[in-house]
PDB file of N, CA and C in Angstrom:
ATOM      1  N   UNK A   1      -6.116 -12.930  14.358  1.00  0.00           N
ATOM      2  CA  UNK A   1      -5.476 -11.652  14.536  1.00  0.00           C
ATOM      3  C   UNK A   1      -6.203 -10.636  13.664  1.00  0.00           C
ATOM      4  N   UNK A   2      -6.400  -9.442  14.171  1.00  0.00           N
ATOM      5  CA  UNK A   2      -7.068  -8.416  13.353  1.00  0.00           C
ATOM      6  C   UNK A   2      -6.238  -8.070  12.119  1.00  0.00           C
ATOM      7  N   UNK A   3      -6.903  -7.568  11.126  1.00  0.00           N
ATOM      8  CA  UNK A   3      -6.254  -7.177   9.878  1.00  0.00           C
ATOM      9  C   UNK A   3      -6.134  -5.653   9.846  1.00  0.00           C
ATOM     10  N   UNK A   4      -4.959  -5.135   9.534  1.00  0.00           N
ATOM     11  CA  UNK A   4      -4.756  -3.688   9.420  1.00  0.00           C
ATOM     12  C   UNK A   4      -5.723  -3.153   8.361  1.00  0.00           C
ATOM     13  N   UNK A   5      -6.260  -1.957   8.600  1.00  0.00           N
ATOM     14  CA  UNK A   5      -7.280  -1.432   7.685  1.00  0.00           C
ATOM     15  C   UNK A   5      -6.747  -1.231   6.264  1.00  0.00           C
ATOM     16  N   UNK A   6      -5.478  -0.875   6.103  1.00  0.00           N
ATOM     17  CA  UNK A   6      -4.918  -0.756   4.752  1.00  0.00           C
ATOM     18  C   UNK A   6      -4.851  -2.115   4.069  1.00  0.00           C
ATOM     19  N   UNK A   7      -4.394  -3.123   4.798  1.00  0.00           N
ATOM     20  CA  UNK A   7      -4.329  -4.466   4.233  1.00  0.00           C
ATOM     21  C   UNK A   7      -5.722  -4.963   3.876  1.00  0.00           C
ATOM     22  N   UNK A   8      -6.694  -4.677   4.727  1.00  0.00           N
ATOM     23  CA  UNK A   8      -8.068  -5.100   4.451  1.00  0.00           C
ATOM     24  C   UNK A   8      -8.556  -4.531   3.123  1.00  0.00           C
ATOM     25  N   UNK A   9      -8.273  -3.255   2.887  1.00  0.00           N
ATOM     26  CA  UNK A   9      -8.694  -2.612   1.632  1.00  0.00           C
ATOM     27  C   UNK A   9      -7.961  -3.223   0.440  1.00  0.00           C
ATOM     28  N   UNK A  10      -6.648  -3.461   0.584  1.00  0.00           N
ATOM     29  CA  UNK A  10      -5.883  -4.046  -0.516  1.00  0.00           C
ATOM     30  C   UNK A  10      -6.349  -5.465  -0.819  1.00  0.00           C
ATOM     31  N   UNK A  11      -6.619  -6.248   0.223  1.00  0.00           N
ATOM     32  CA  UNK A  11      -7.111  -7.610   0.010  1.00  0.00           C
ATOM     33  C   UNK A  11      -8.478  -7.617  -0.658  1.00  0.00           C
ATOM     34  N   UNK A  12      -9.350  -6.710  -0.234  1.00  0.00           N
ATOM     35  CA  UNK A  12     -10.682  -6.651  -0.849  1.00  0.00           C
ATOM     36  C   UNK A  12     -10.577  -6.283  -2.322  1.00  0.00           C
ATOM     37  N   UNK A  13      -9.685  -5.353  -2.646  1.00  0.00           N
ATOM     38  CA  UNK A  13      -9.467  -4.973  -4.042  1.00  0.00           C
ATOM     39  C   UNK A  13      -8.951  -6.164  -4.841  1.00  0.00           C
ATOM     40  N   UNK A  14      -8.002  -6.909  -4.266  1.00  0.00           N
ATOM     41  CA  UNK A  14      -7.460  -8.106  -4.916  1.00  0.00           C
ATOM     42  C   UNK A  14      -8.555  -9.155  -5.127  1.00  0.00           C
ATOM     43  N   UNK A  15      -9.350  -9.398  -4.103  1.00  0.00           N
ATOM     44  CA  UNK A  15     -10.430 -10.392  -4.191  1.00  0.00           C
ATOM     45  C   UNK A  15     -11.420 -10.009  -5.282  1.00  0.00           C
ATOM     46  N   UNK A  16     -11.756  -8.731  -5.342  1.00  0.00           N
ATOM     47  CA  UNK A  16     -12.694  -8.262  -6.374  1.00  0.00           C
ATOM     48  C   UNK A  16     -12.096  -8.428  -7.766  1.00  0.00           C
ATOM     49  N   UNK A  17     -10.865  -7.995  -7.960  1.00  0.00           N
ATOM     50  CA  UNK A  17     -10.231  -8.058  -9.276  1.00  0.00           C
ATOM     51  C   UNK A  17      -9.934  -9.493  -9.708  1.00  0.00           C
ATOM     52  N   UNK A  18      -9.673 -10.374  -8.750  1.00  0.00           N
ATOM     53  CA  UNK A  18      -9.381 -11.775  -9.061  1.00  0.00           C
ATOM     54  C   UNK A  18     -10.658 -12.584  -9.277  1.00  0.00           C
ATOM     55  N   UNK A  19     -11.801 -11.978  -9.026  1.00  0.00           N
ATOM     56  CA  UNK A  19     -13.064 -12.690  -9.203  1.00  0.00           C
ATOM     57  C   UNK A  19     -13.324 -13.730  -8.128  1.00  0.00           C
ATOM     58  N   UNK A  20     -12.779 -13.521  -6.941  1.00  0.00           N
ATOM     59  CA  UNK A  20     -12.931 -14.501  -5.867  1.00  0.00           C
ATOM     60  C   UNK A  20     -14.068 -14.173  -4.906  1.00  0.00           C
ATOM     61  N   UNK A  21     -14.696 -13.016  -5.080  1.00  0.00           N
ATOM     62  CA  UNK A  21     -15.711 -12.559  -4.126  1.00  0.00           C
ATOM     63  C   UNK A  21     -16.857 -13.556  -3.978  1.00  0.00           C
ATOM     64  N   UNK A  22     -17.265 -14.185  -5.025  1.00  0.00           N
ATOM     65  CA  UNK A  22     -18.371 -15.128  -4.964  1.00  0.00           C
ATOM     66  C   UNK A  22     -17.943 -16.558  -4.724  1.00  0.00           C
ATOM     67  N   UNK A  23     -16.693 -16.764  -4.345  1.00  0.00           N
ATOM     68  CA  UNK A  23     -16.159 -18.107  -4.153  1.00  0.00           C
ATOM     69  C   UNK A  23     -15.528 -18.228  -2.762  1.00  0.00           C
ATOM     70  N   UNK A  24     -16.334 -18.370  -1.731  1.00  0.00           N
ATOM     71  CA  UNK A  24     -15.789 -18.378  -0.368  1.00  0.00           C
ATOM     72  C   UNK A  24     -14.815 -19.524  -0.068  1.00  0.00           C
ATOM     73  N   UNK A  25     -14.862 -20.599  -0.834  1.00  0.00           N
ATOM     74  CA  UNK A  25     -13.956 -21.728  -0.572  1.00  0.00           C
ATOM     75  C   UNK A  25     -12.722 -21.714  -1.479  1.00  0.00           C
ATOM     76  N   UNK A  26     -12.635 -20.722  -2.357  1.00  0.00           N
ATOM     77  CA  UNK A  26     -11.486 -20.637  -3.263  1.00  0.00           C
ATOM     78  C   UNK A  26     -10.231 -20.261  -2.478  1.00  0.00           C
ATOM     79  N   UNK A  27      -9.103 -20.734  -2.955  1.00  0.00           N
ATOM     80  CA  UNK A  27      -7.824 -20.365  -2.358  1.00  0.00           C
ATOM     81  C   UNK A  27      -7.571 -18.884  -2.620  1.00  0.00           C
ATOM     82  N   UNK A  28      -7.071 -18.200  -1.623  1.00  0.00           N
ATOM     83  CA  UNK A  28      -6.817 -16.771  -1.767  1.00  0.00           C
ATOM     84  C   UNK A  28      -5.639 -16.515  -2.703  1.00  0.00           C
ATOM     85  N   UNK A  29      -4.562 -17.261  -2.533  1.00  0.00           N
ATOM     86  CA  UNK A  29      -3.383 -17.078  -3.371  1.00  0.00           C
ATOM     87  C   UNK A  29      -3.182 -18.330  -4.214  1.00  0.00           C
ATOM     88  N   UNK A  30      -3.460 -18.196  -5.495  1.00  0.00           N
ATOM     89  CA  UNK A  30      -3.414 -19.315  -6.418  1.00  0.00           C
ATOM     90  C   UNK A  30      -2.281 -19.123  -7.422  1.00  0.00           C
ATOM     91  N   UNK A  31      -1.839 -20.247  -7.977  1.00  0.00           N
ATOM     92  CA  UNK A  31      -0.827 -20.173  -9.022  1.00  0.00           C
ATOM     93  C   UNK A  31      -1.489 -19.727 -10.325  1.00  0.00           C
ATOM     94  N   UNK A  32      -0.651 -19.257 -11.224  1.00  0.00           N
ATOM     95  CA  UNK A  32      -1.123 -18.845 -12.551  1.00  0.00           C
ATOM     96  C   UNK A  32      -0.178 -19.436 -13.588  1.00  0.00           C
ATOM     97  N   UNK A  33      -0.704 -19.786 -14.747  1.00  0.00           N
ATOM     98  CA  UNK A  33       0.201 -20.247 -15.807  1.00  0.00           C
ATOM     99  C   UNK A  33       1.121 -19.100 -16.228  1.00  0.00           C
ATOM    100  N   UNK A  34       2.303 -19.422 -16.684  1.00  0.00           N
ATOM    101  CA  UNK A  34       3.302 -18.412 -17.006  1.00  0.00           C
ATOM    102  C   UNK A  34       2.783 -17.366 -17.983  1.00  0.00           C
ATOM    103  N   UNK A  35       2.052 -17.760 -18.975  1.00  0.00           N
ATOM    104  CA  UNK A  35       1.605 -16.820 -20.001  1.00  0.00           C
ATOM    105  C   UNK A  35       0.112 -16.569 -19.973  1.00  0.00           C
ATOM    106  N   UNK A  36      -0.563 -16.980 -18.921  1.00  0.00           N
ATOM    107  CA  UNK A  36      -2.005 -16.785 -18.841  1.00  0.00           C
ATOM    108  C   UNK A  36      -2.394 -15.694 -17.869  1.00  0.00           C
ATOM    109  N   UNK A  37      -3.661 -15.405 -17.852  1.00  0.00           N
ATOM    110  CA  UNK A  37      -4.177 -14.407 -16.919  1.00  0.00           C
ATOM    111  C   UNK A  37      -5.227 -15.002 -15.991  1.00  0.00           C
ATOM    112  N   UNK A  38      -5.521 -16.279 -16.153  1.00  0.00           N
ATOM    113  CA  UNK A  38      -6.537 -16.949 -15.356  1.00  0.00           C
ATOM    114  C   UNK A  38      -5.868 -17.778 -14.264  1.00  0.00           C
ATOM    115  N   UNK A  39      -6.279 -17.600 -13.011  1.00  0.00           N
ATOM    116  CA  UNK A  39      -5.715 -18.393 -11.925  1.00  0.00           C
ATOM    117  C   UNK A  39      -6.113 -19.849 -12.091  1.00  0.00           C
ATOM    118  N   UNK A  40      -5.251 -20.760 -11.606  1.00  0.00           N
ATOM    119  CA  UNK A  40      -5.449 -22.186 -11.835  1.00  0.00           C
ATOM    120  C   UNK A  40      -6.354 -22.867 -10.819  1.00  0.00           C
ATOM    121  N   UNK A  41      -6.549 -22.239  -9.664  1.00  0.00           N
ATOM    122  CA  UNK A  41      -7.283 -22.902  -8.591  1.00  0.00           C
ATOM    123  C   UNK A  41      -6.370 -23.723  -7.702  1.00  0.00           C
ATOM    124  N   UNK A  42      -5.101 -23.847  -8.092  1.00  0.00           N
ATOM    125  CA  UNK A  42      -4.103 -24.582  -7.319  1.00  0.00           C
ATOM    126  C   UNK A  42      -3.368 -23.606  -6.399  1.00  0.00           C
ATOM    127  N   UNK A  43      -2.886 -24.079  -5.259  1.00  0.00           N
ATOM    128  CA  UNK A  43      -2.189 -23.169  -4.334  1.00  0.00           C
ATOM    129  C   UNK A  43      -0.899 -22.618  -4.933  1.00  0.00           C
ATOM    130  N   UNK A  44      -0.574 -21.403  -4.563  1.00  0.00           N
ATOM    131  CA  UNK A  44       0.689 -20.787  -4.943  1.00  0.00           C
ATOM    132  C   UNK A  44       1.778 -21.439  -4.099  1.00  0.00           C
ATOM    133  N   UNK A  45       2.768 -22.020  -4.749  1.00  0.00           N
ATOM    134  CA  UNK A  45       3.825 -22.710  -3.998  1.00  0.00           C
ATOM    135  C   UNK A  45       4.752 -21.702  -3.332  1.00  0.00           C
ATOM    136  N   UNK A  46       5.463 -22.160  -2.324  1.00  0.00           N
ATOM    137  CA  UNK A  46       6.417 -21.310  -1.613  1.00  0.00           C
ATOM    138  C   UNK A  46       7.487 -20.797  -2.575  1.00  0.00           C
ATOM    139  N   UNK A  47       7.974 -21.656  -3.443  1.00  0.00           N
ATOM    140  CA  UNK A  47       9.006 -21.256  -4.406  1.00  0.00           C
ATOM    141  C   UNK A  47       8.480 -20.209  -5.378  1.00  0.00           C
ATOM    142  N   UNK A  48       7.236 -20.382  -5.833  1.00  0.00           N
ATOM    143  CA  UNK A  48       6.647 -19.405  -6.751  1.00  0.00           C
ATOM    144  C   UNK A  48       6.427 -18.066  -6.057  1.00  0.00           C
ATOM    145  N   UNK A  49       6.020 -18.088  -4.805  1.00  0.00           N
ATOM    146  CA  UNK A  49       5.834 -16.840  -4.055  1.00  0.00           C
ATOM    147  C   UNK A  49       7.174 -16.130  -3.908  1.00  0.00           C
ATOM    148  N   UNK A  50       8.227 -16.876  -3.605  1.00  0.00           N
ATOM    149  CA  UNK A  50       9.558 -16.299  -3.462  1.00  0.00           C
ATOM    150  C   UNK A  50      10.009 -15.656  -4.774  1.00  0.00           C
ATOM    151  N   UNK A  51       9.832 -16.374  -5.882  1.00  0.00           N
ATOM    152  CA  UNK A  51      10.249 -15.840  -7.181  1.00  0.00           C
ATOM    153  C   UNK A  51       9.434 -14.602  -7.561  1.00  0.00           C
ATOM    154  N   UNK A  52       8.158 -14.593  -7.209  1.00  0.00           N
ATOM    155  CA  UNK A  52       7.317 -13.433  -7.493  1.00  0.00           C
ATOM    156  C   UNK A  52       7.819 -12.215  -6.720  1.00  0.00           C
ATOM    157  N   UNK A  53       8.170 -12.392  -5.465  1.00  0.00           N
ATOM    158  CA  UNK A  53       8.704 -11.287  -4.656  1.00  0.00           C
ATOM    159  C   UNK A  53      10.007 -10.789  -5.273  1.00  0.00           C
ATOM    160  N   UNK A  54      10.870 -11.698  -5.697  1.00  0.00           N
ATOM    161  CA  UNK A  54      12.140 -11.299  -6.315  1.00  0.00           C
ATOM    162  C   UNK A  54      11.913 -10.512  -7.605  1.00  0.00           C
ATOM    163  N   UNK A  55      10.972 -10.982  -8.447  1.00  0.00           N
ATOM    164  CA  UNK A  55      10.693 -10.270  -9.705  1.00  0.00           C
ATOM    165  C   UNK A  55      10.121  -8.885  -9.442  1.00  0.00           C
ATOM    166  N   UNK A  56       9.162  -8.801  -8.515  1.00  0.00           N
ATOM    167  CA  UNK A  56       8.523  -7.513  -8.233  1.00  0.00           C
ATOM    168  C   UNK A  56       9.505  -6.522  -7.618  1.00  0.00           C
ATOM    169  N   UNK A  57      10.398  -6.995  -6.748  1.00  0.00           N
ATOM    170  CA  UNK A  57      11.376  -6.085  -6.149  1.00  0.00           C
ATOM    171  C   UNK A  57      12.372  -5.611  -7.205  1.00  0.00           C
ATOM    172  N   UNK A  58      12.779  -6.493  -8.105  1.00  0.00           N
ATOM    173  CA  UNK A  58      13.686  -6.084  -9.186  1.00  0.00           C
ATOM    174  C   UNK A  58      12.998  -5.071 -10.099  1.00  0.00           C
ATOM    175  N   UNK A  59      11.717  -5.313 -10.416  1.00  0.00           N
ATOM    176  CA  UNK A  59      10.953  -4.378 -11.254  1.00  0.00           C
ATOM    177  C   UNK A  59      10.832  -3.009 -10.596  1.00  0.00           C
ATOM    178  N   UNK A  60      10.818  -2.983  -9.264  1.00  0.00           N
ATOM    179  CA  UNK A  60      10.705  -1.724  -8.521  1.00  0.00           C
ATOM    180  C   UNK A  60      12.064  -1.048  -8.345  1.00  0.00           C
ATOM    181  N   UNK A  61      13.126  -1.678  -8.856  1.00  0.00           N
ATOM    182  CA  UNK A  61      14.449  -1.090  -8.749  1.00  0.00           C
ATOM    183  C   UNK A  61      15.128  -1.334  -7.423  1.00  0.00           C
ATOM    184  N   UNK A  62      14.620  -2.276  -6.649  1.00  0.00           N
ATOM    185  CA  UNK A  62      15.229  -2.604  -5.362  1.00  0.00           C
ATOM    186  C   UNK A  62      16.390  -3.555  -5.626  1.00  0.00           C
ATOM    187  N   UNK A  63      17.588  -3.125  -5.279  1.00  0.00           N
ATOM    188  CA  UNK A  63      18.783  -3.910  -5.571  1.00  0.00           C
ATOM    189  C   UNK A  63      19.108  -4.930  -4.490  1.00  0.00           C
ATOM    190  N   UNK A  64      18.602  -4.730  -3.286  1.00  0.00           N
ATOM    191  CA  UNK A  64      18.881  -5.642  -2.182  1.00  0.00           C
ATOM    192  C   UNK A  64      18.195  -6.987  -2.418  1.00  0.00           C
ATOM    193  N   UNK A  65      18.760  -8.024  -1.822  1.00  0.00           N
ATOM    194  CA  UNK A  65      18.124  -9.337  -1.885  1.00  0.00           C
ATOM    195  C   UNK A  65      16.882  -9.314  -1.004  1.00  0.00           C
ATOM    196  N   UNK A  66      15.734  -9.364  -1.622  1.00  0.00           N
ATOM    197  CA  UNK A  66      14.464  -9.318  -0.907  1.00  0.00           C
ATOM    198  C   UNK A  66      13.818 -10.684  -1.005  1.00  0.00           C
ATOM    199  N   UNK A  67      13.286 -11.148   0.093  1.00  0.00           N
ATOM    200  CA  UNK A  67      12.569 -12.413   0.111  1.00  0.00           C
ATOM    201  C   UNK A  67      11.319 -12.282   0.953  1.00  0.00           C
ATOM    202  N   UNK A  68      10.602 -13.365   1.087  1.00  0.00           N
ATOM    203  CA  UNK A  68       9.345 -13.347   1.832  1.00  0.00           C
ATOM    204  C   UNK A  68       9.552 -12.931   3.283  1.00  0.00           C
ATOM    205  N   UNK A  69      10.670 -13.333   3.883  1.00  0.00           N
ATOM    206  CA  UNK A  69      10.922 -12.979   5.278  1.00  0.00           C
ATOM    207  C   UNK A  69      11.299 -11.511   5.439  1.00  0.00           C
ATOM    208  N   UNK A  70      11.639 -10.851   4.343  1.00  0.00           N
ATOM    209  CA  UNK A  70      11.906  -9.407   4.409  1.00  0.00           C
ATOM    210  C   UNK A  70      10.664  -8.665   4.883  1.00  0.00           C
ATOM    211  N   UNK A  71       9.494  -9.134   4.463  1.00  0.00           N
ATOM    212  CA  UNK A  71       8.249  -8.498   4.872  1.00  0.00           C
ATOM    213  C   UNK A  71       8.004  -8.700   6.365  1.00  0.00           C
ATOM    214  N   UNK A  72       8.315  -9.883   6.839  1.00  0.00           N
ATOM    215  CA  UNK A  72       8.152 -10.170   8.274  1.00  0.00           C
ATOM    216  C   UNK A  72       9.087  -9.282   9.084  1.00  0.00           C
ATOM    217  N   UNK A  73      10.337  -9.182   8.660  1.00  0.00           N
ATOM    218  CA  UNK A  73      11.302  -8.336   9.365  1.00  0.00           C
ATOM    219  C   UNK A  73      10.886  -6.869   9.318  1.00  0.00           C
ATOM    220  N   UNK A  74      10.407  -6.425   8.165  1.00  0.00           N
ATOM    221  CA  UNK A  74       9.968  -5.028   8.035  1.00  0.00           C
ATOM    222  C   UNK A  74       8.783  -4.743   8.949  1.00  0.00           C
ATOM    223  N   UNK A  75       7.822  -5.651   8.983  1.00  0.00           N
ATOM    224  CA  UNK A  75       6.648  -5.457   9.842  1.00  0.00           C
ATOM    225  C   UNK A  75       7.006  -5.435  11.311  1.00  0.00           C
ATOM    226  N   UNK A  76       7.821  -6.376  11.736  1.00  0.00           N
ATOM    227  CA  UNK A  76       8.225  -6.436  13.139  1.00  0.00           C
ATOM    228  C   UNK A  76       9.021  -5.195  13.512  1.00  0.00           C
ATOM    229  N   UNK A  77       9.959  -4.803  12.644  1.00  0.00           N
ATOM    230  CA  UNK A  77      10.781  -3.627  12.926  1.00  0.00           C
ATOM    231  C   UNK A  77       9.932  -2.364  12.993  1.00  0.00           C
ATOM    232  N   UNK A  78       9.023  -2.188  12.041  1.00  0.00           N
ATOM    233  CA  UNK A  78       8.156  -0.997  12.043  1.00  0.00           C
ATOM    234  C   UNK A  78       7.295  -0.970  13.302  1.00  0.00           C
ATOM    235  N   UNK A  79       6.765  -2.115  13.688  1.00  0.00           N
ATOM    236  CA  UNK A  79       5.938  -2.194  14.890  1.00  0.00           C
ATOM    237  C   UNK A  79       6.747  -1.778  16.122  1.00  0.00           C
ATOM    238  N   UNK A  80       7.967  -2.304  16.247  1.00  0.00           N
ATOM    239  CA  UNK A  80       8.800  -1.986  17.405  1.00  0.00           C
ATOM    240  C   UNK A  80       9.260  -0.529  17.380  1.00  0.00           C
ATOM    241  N   UNK A  81       9.559   0.013  16.201  1.00  0.00           N
ATOM    242  CA  UNK A  81       9.961   1.422  16.096  1.00  0.00           C
ATOM    243  C   UNK A  81       8.832   2.362  16.514  1.00  0.00           C
ATOM    244  N   UNK A  82       7.606   1.905  16.341  1.00  0.00           N
ATOM    245  CA  UNK A  82       6.458   2.732  16.691  1.00  0.00           C
ATOM    246  C   UNK A  82       5.963   2.484  18.113  1.00  0.00           C
ATOM    247  N   UNK A  83       6.815   1.889  18.941  1.00  0.00           N
ATOM    248  CA  UNK A  83       6.497   1.747  20.359  1.00  0.00           C
ATOM    249  C   UNK A  83       5.873   0.432  20.756  1.00  0.00           C
ATOM    250  N   UNK A  84       5.779  -0.523  19.841  1.00  0.00           N
ATOM    251  CA  UNK A  84       5.226  -1.827  20.187  1.00  0.00           C
ATOM    252  C   UNK A  84       6.169  -2.609  21.077  1.00  0.00           C
ATOM    253  N   UNK A  85       5.632  -3.578  21.770  1.00  0.00           N
ATOM    254  CA  UNK A  85       6.444  -4.403  22.665  1.00  0.00           C
ATOM    255  C   UNK A  85       6.915  -5.669  21.967  1.00  0.00           C
ATOM    256  N   UNK A  86       8.053  -6.154  22.394  1.00  0.00           N
ATOM    257  CA  UNK A  86       8.606  -7.379  21.823  1.00  0.00           C
ATOM    258  C   UNK A  86       7.666  -8.558  22.051  1.00  0.00           C
ATOM    259  N   UNK A  87       7.024  -8.606  23.211  1.00  0.00           N
ATOM    260  CA  UNK A  87       6.108  -9.710  23.526  1.00  0.00           C
ATOM    261  C   UNK A  87       4.918  -9.717  22.581  1.00  0.00           C
ATOM    262  N   UNK A  88       4.355  -8.544  22.301  1.00  0.00           N
ATOM    263  CA  UNK A  88       3.213  -8.477  21.380  1.00  0.00           C
ATOM    264  C   UNK A  88       3.658  -8.781  19.957  1.00  0.00           C
ATOM    265  N   UNK A  89       4.841  -8.301  19.579  1.00  0.00           N
ATOM    266  CA  UNK A  89       5.373  -8.613  18.249  1.00  0.00           C
ATOM    267  C   UNK A  89       5.523 -10.123  18.077  1.00  0.00           C
ATOM    268  N   UNK A  90       6.004 -10.803  19.122  1.00  0.00           N
ATOM    269  CA  UNK A  90       6.147 -12.259  19.064  1.00  0.00           C
ATOM    270  C   UNK A  90       4.792 -12.934  18.902  1.00  0.00           C
ATOM    271  N   UNK A  91       3.790 -12.439  19.607  1.00  0.00           N
ATOM    272  CA  UNK A  91       2.443 -13.009  19.488  1.00  0.00           C
ATOM    273  C   UNK A  91       1.885 -12.785  18.078  1.00  0.00           C
ATOM    274  N   UNK A  92       2.085 -11.588  17.551  1.00  0.00           N
ATOM    275  CA  UNK A  92       1.591 -11.284  16.210  1.00  0.00           C
ATOM    276  C   UNK A  92       2.282 -12.138  15.152  1.00  0.00           C
ATOM    277  N   UNK A  93       3.566 -12.417  15.349  1.00  0.00           N
ATOM    278  CA  UNK A  93       4.332 -13.229  14.398  1.00  0.00           C
ATOM    279  C   UNK A  93       4.161 -14.726  14.640  1.00  0.00           C
ATOM    280  N   UNK A  94       3.405 -15.061  15.674  1.00  0.00           N
ATOM    281  CA  UNK A  94       3.176 -16.460  16.053  1.00  0.00           C
ATOM    282  C   UNK A  94       4.489 -17.160  16.431  1.00  0.00           C
ATOM    283  N   UNK A  95       5.354 -16.412  17.100  1.00  0.00           N
ATOM    284  CA  UNK A  95       6.598 -16.986  17.615  1.00  0.00           C
ATOM    285  C   UNK A  95       6.378 -17.430  19.054  1.00  0.00           C
ATOM    286  N   UNK A  96       6.879 -18.600  19.393  1.00  0.00           N
ATOM    287  CA  UNK A  96       6.726 -19.081  20.763  1.00  0.00           C
ATOM    288  C   UNK A  96       7.740 -18.430  21.701  1.00  0.00           C
ATOM    289  N   UNK A  97       8.778 -17.837  21.124  1.00  0.00           N
ATOM    290  CA  UNK A  97       9.806 -17.204  21.937  1.00  0.00           C
ATOM    291  C   UNK A  97      10.117 -15.813  21.391  1.00  0.00           C
ATOM    292  N   UNK A  98      10.330 -14.866  22.289  1.00  0.00           N
ATOM    293  CA  UNK A  98      10.717 -13.520  21.850  1.00  0.00           C
ATOM    294  C   UNK A  98      12.126 -13.532  21.252  1.00  0.00           C
ATOM    295  N   UNK A  99      12.910 -14.538  21.548  1.00  0.00           N
ATOM    296  CA  UNK A  99      14.252 -14.642  20.959  1.00  0.00           C
ATOM    297  C   UNK A  99      14.146 -14.818  19.447  1.00  0.00           C
ATOM    298  N   UNK A 100      13.156 -15.556  18.994  1.00  0.00           N
ATOM    299  CA  UNK A 100      12.952 -15.697  17.552  1.00  0.00           C
ATOM    300  C   UNK A 100      12.564 -14.362  16.942  1.00  0.00           C
ATOM    301  N   UNK A 101      11.686 -13.644  17.611  1.00  0.00           N
ATOM    302  CA  UNK A 101      11.243 -12.338  17.126  1.00  0.00           C
ATOM    303  C   UNK A 101      12.408 -11.374  17.026  1.00  0.00           C
ATOM    304  N   UNK A 102      13.324 -11.438  17.960  1.00  0.00           N
ATOM    305  CA  UNK A 102      14.489 -10.553  17.941  1.00  0.00           C
ATOM    306  C   UNK A 102      15.351 -10.759  16.703  1.00  0.00           C
ATOM    307  N   UNK A 103      15.316 -11.949  16.123  1.00  0.00           N
ATOM    308  CA  UNK A 103      16.069 -12.204  14.895  1.00  0.00           C
ATOM    309  C   UNK A 103      15.549 -11.359  13.732  1.00  0.00           C
ATOM    310  N   UNK A 104      14.289 -10.942  13.806  1.00  0.00           N
ATOM    311  CA  UNK A 104      13.671 -10.147  12.744  1.00  0.00           C
ATOM    312  C   UNK A 104      13.705  -8.645  13.034  1.00  0.00           C
ATOM    313  N   UNK A 105      14.194  -8.256  14.174  1.00  0.00           N
ATOM    314  CA  UNK A 105      14.242  -6.851  14.577  1.00  0.00           C
ATOM    315  C   UNK A 105      15.430  -6.176  13.899  1.00  0.00           C
ATOM    316  N   UNK A 106      15.161  -5.264  12.982  1.00  0.00           N
ATOM    317  CA  UNK A 106      16.220  -4.590  12.224  1.00  0.00           C
ATOM    318  C   UNK A 106      16.502  -3.174  12.723  1.00  0.00           C
ATOM    319  N   UNK A 107      16.023  -2.823  13.896  1.00  0.00           N
ATOM    320  CA  UNK A 107      16.256  -1.463  14.397  1.00  0.00           C
ATOM    321  C   UNK A 107      17.732  -1.146  14.532  1.00  0.00           C
ATOM    322  N   UNK A 108      18.538  -2.129  14.866  1.00  0.00           N
ATOM    323  CA  UNK A 108      19.972  -1.865  15.043  1.00  0.00           C
ATOM    324  C   UNK A 108      20.683  -1.654  13.712  1.00  0.00           C
ATOM    325  N   UNK A 109      20.024  -1.900  12.587  1.00  0.00           N
ATOM    326  CA  UNK A 109      20.632  -1.690  11.278  1.00  0.00           C
ATOM    327  C   UNK A 109      20.688  -0.215  10.893  1.00  0.00           C
ATOM    328  N   UNK A 110      19.943   0.628  11.597  1.00  0.00           N
ATOM    329  CA  UNK A 110      19.916   2.052  11.299  1.00  0.00           C
ATOM    330  C   UNK A 110      21.184   2.709  11.839  1.00  0.00           C
ATOM    331  N   UNK A 111      22.020   3.151  10.938  1.00  0.00           N
ATOM    332  CA  UNK A 111      23.236   3.847  11.323  1.00  0.00           C
ATOM    333  C   UNK A 111      23.002   5.334  11.071  1.00  0.00           C
ATOM    334  N   UNK A 112      23.176   6.130  12.110  1.00  0.00           N
ATOM    335  CA  UNK A 112      22.927   7.562  11.985  1.00  0.00           C
ATOM    336  C   UNK A 112      24.209   8.290  11.596  1.00  0.00           C
ATOM    337  N   UNK A 113      24.057   9.494  11.069  1.00  0.00           N
ATOM    338  CA  UNK A 113      25.205  10.323  10.722  1.00  0.00           C
ATOM    339  C   UNK A 113      26.055  10.597  11.948  1.00  0.00           C
ATOM    340  N   UNK A 114      25.413  10.789  13.097  1.00  0.00           N
ATOM    341  CA  UNK A 114      26.171  11.019  14.340  1.00  0.00           C
ATOM    342  C   UNK A 114      27.123   9.868  14.621  1.00  0.00           C
ATOM    343  N   UNK A 115      26.677   8.652  14.374  1.00  0.00           N
ATOM    344  CA  UNK A 115      27.530   7.488  14.608  1.00  0.00           C
ATOM    345  C   UNK A 115      28.683   7.456  13.615  1.00  0.00           C
ATOM    346  N   UNK A 116      28.413   7.787  12.365  1.00  0.00           N
ATOM    347  CA  UNK A 116      29.467   7.794  11.343  1.00  0.00           C
ATOM    348  C   UNK A 116      30.502   8.867  11.678  1.00  0.00           C
ATOM    349  N   UNK A 117      30.038  10.010  12.190  1.00  0.00           N
ATOM    350  CA  UNK A 117      30.942  11.110  12.519  1.00  0.00           C
ATOM    351  C   UNK A 117      31.872  10.785  13.691  1.00  0.00           C
ATOM    352  N   UNK A 118      31.617   9.710  14.385  1.00  0.00           N
ATOM    353  CA  UNK A 118      32.511   9.283  15.464  1.00  0.00           C
ATOM    354  C   UNK A 118      33.845   8.761  14.913  1.00  0.00           C
ATOM    355  N   UNK A 119      33.862   8.462  13.617  1.00  0.00           N
ATOM    356  CA  UNK A 119      35.093   7.979  12.981  1.00  0.00           C
ATOM    357  C   UNK A 119      36.001   9.184  12.741  1.00  0.00           C
ATOM    358  N   UNK A 120      37.137   9.182  13.377  1.00  0.00           N
ATOM    359  CA  UNK A 120      38.076  10.294  13.244  1.00  0.00           C
ATOM    360  C   UNK A 120      39.113   9.946  12.177  1.00  0.00           C
ATOM    361  N   UNK A 121      39.161  10.802  11.176  1.00  0.00           N
ATOM    362  CA  UNK A 121      40.117  10.554  10.074  1.00  0.00           C
ATOM    363  C   UNK A 121      41.096  11.721  10.044  1.00  0.00           C
TER     364      UNK A 121
END
């Protein structure tokens, strides 16, 4: 799948700063010791990736429960809001069924003021 040009630039910056440019067989996302600055060469575990996302979102002041799948839902929703098709979104997400992709579609979560004003008090 093609890489978005913004992501390509961010990944290249990460690769350069991590010192991975000259290591084509190195793992892209590696674990790090808790108090060190040198990557271990070992893969970043799913649990560690989840905890990293939680720490970074808390540091950014995001109060909602954010996890790795939040990014998938955000990407799919943004793609669909910008006129993308559900079938292409499913292909991009590597879903075999568009029903799975629909689980990540958050467009219906947008509540407009017009909808709130329908409440008569």
